[in-house]
């Protein structure tokens, strides 16, 4: 699996990391699965190394059904 390493800042959230790299918070489970060494708490302390898998765009087709109404 190809991946990037993200170093957290104090209080950073999992969903914010998913949005930053993938623009899709629905991919949050993928982020949690790639980081079993980190607690799945709402916020992360600073200095944590988060593995961010590189998603193959062919498998990351975003359905408009998952978008909020104002983005469809």
Protein backbone atom coordinates (compact mmCIF):
# COMPACT_ATOMS: atom_id res chain seq x y z
CA UNK A 1 0.00 0.00 0.00
CA UNK A 2 1.36 3.38 -0.98
CA UNK A 3 0.85 6.02 1.67
CA UNK A 4 1.80 9.44 2.94
CA UNK A 5 2.66 10.29 6.53
CA UNK A 6 0.78 13.19 8.10
CA UNK A 7 2.12 14.69 11.34
CA UNK A 8 -0.74 16.00 13.46
CA UNK A 9 -1.14 19.34 15.17
CA UNK A 10 -2.74 19.50 18.61
CA UNK A 11 -6.50 19.06 18.41
CA UNK A 12 -6.56 17.96 14.78
CA UNK A 13 -9.53 15.75 13.89
CA UNK A 14 -9.70 12.55 11.85
CA UNK A 15 -12.38 13.96 9.57
CA UNK A 16 -10.27 17.06 8.85
CA UNK A 17 -7.37 14.83 7.78
CA UNK A 18 -9.65 12.77 5.52
CA UNK A 19 -11.01 15.96 3.96
CA UNK A 20 -7.55 17.48 3.50
CA UNK A 21 -6.18 14.53 1.54
CA UNK A 22 -9.26 13.01 -0.11
CA UNK A 23 -11.95 15.70 -0.03
CA UNK A 24 -14.29 13.00 1.27
CA UNK A 25 -14.99 12.42 4.97
CA UNK A 26 -16.84 9.22 4.04
CA UNK A 27 -13.36 7.69 3.60
CA UNK A 28 -12.74 8.10 7.35
CA UNK A 29 -12.98 4.31 8.01
CA UNK A 30 -10.11 3.78 5.55
CA UNK A 31 -8.00 6.25 7.55
CA UNK A 32 -8.82 4.57 10.87
CA UNK A 33 -8.08 1.11 9.45
CA UNK A 34 -4.66 2.28 8.26
CA UNK A 35 -3.82 3.55 11.76
CA UNK A 36 -4.59 0.84 14.32
CA UNK A 37 -1.71 2.17 16.44
CA UNK A 38 -3.66 5.40 17.12
CA UNK A 39 -6.71 5.77 19.33
CA UNK A 40 -9.93 6.59 17.46
CA UNK A 41 -10.60 9.63 19.63
CA UNK A 42 -12.33 12.77 18.32
CA UNK A 43 -9.09 14.78 18.36
CA UNK A 44 -5.44 13.86 18.10
CA UNK A 45 -2.49 15.22 20.07
CA UNK A 46 0.32 16.94 18.21
CA UNK A 47 3.18 14.97 16.71
CA UNK A 48 1.25 11.79 15.88
CA UNK A 49 2.26 10.03 12.65
CA UNK A 50 -0.90 9.27 10.70
CA UNK A 51 -0.64 6.92 7.72
CA UNK A 52 -2.71 8.32 4.84
CA UNK A 53 -3.20 5.68 2.12
CA UNK A 54 -2.98 6.92 -1.44
CA UNK A 55 -6.33 6.17 -3.04
CA UNK A 56 -6.37 5.00 -6.64
CA UNK A 57 -8.74 7.41 -8.39
CA UNK A 58 -10.39 4.51 -10.23
CA UNK A 59 -11.64 3.20 -6.87
CA UNK A 60 -12.54 6.63 -5.51
CA UNK A 61 -15.50 7.49 -7.68
CA UNK A 62 -17.55 9.93 -5.64
CA UNK A 63 -21.26 9.38 -5.85
CA UNK A 64 -23.34 12.54 -5.90
CA UNK A 65 -25.64 10.81 -3.41
CA UNK A 66 -22.88 11.23 -0.80
CA UNK A 67 -22.56 14.95 -1.46
CA UNK A 68 -24.53 17.51 0.51
CA UNK A 69 -27.45 18.99 -1.49
CA UNK A 70 -25.64 22.27 -2.17
CA UNK A 71 -22.70 20.42 -3.83
CA UNK A 72 -24.77 18.20 -6.18
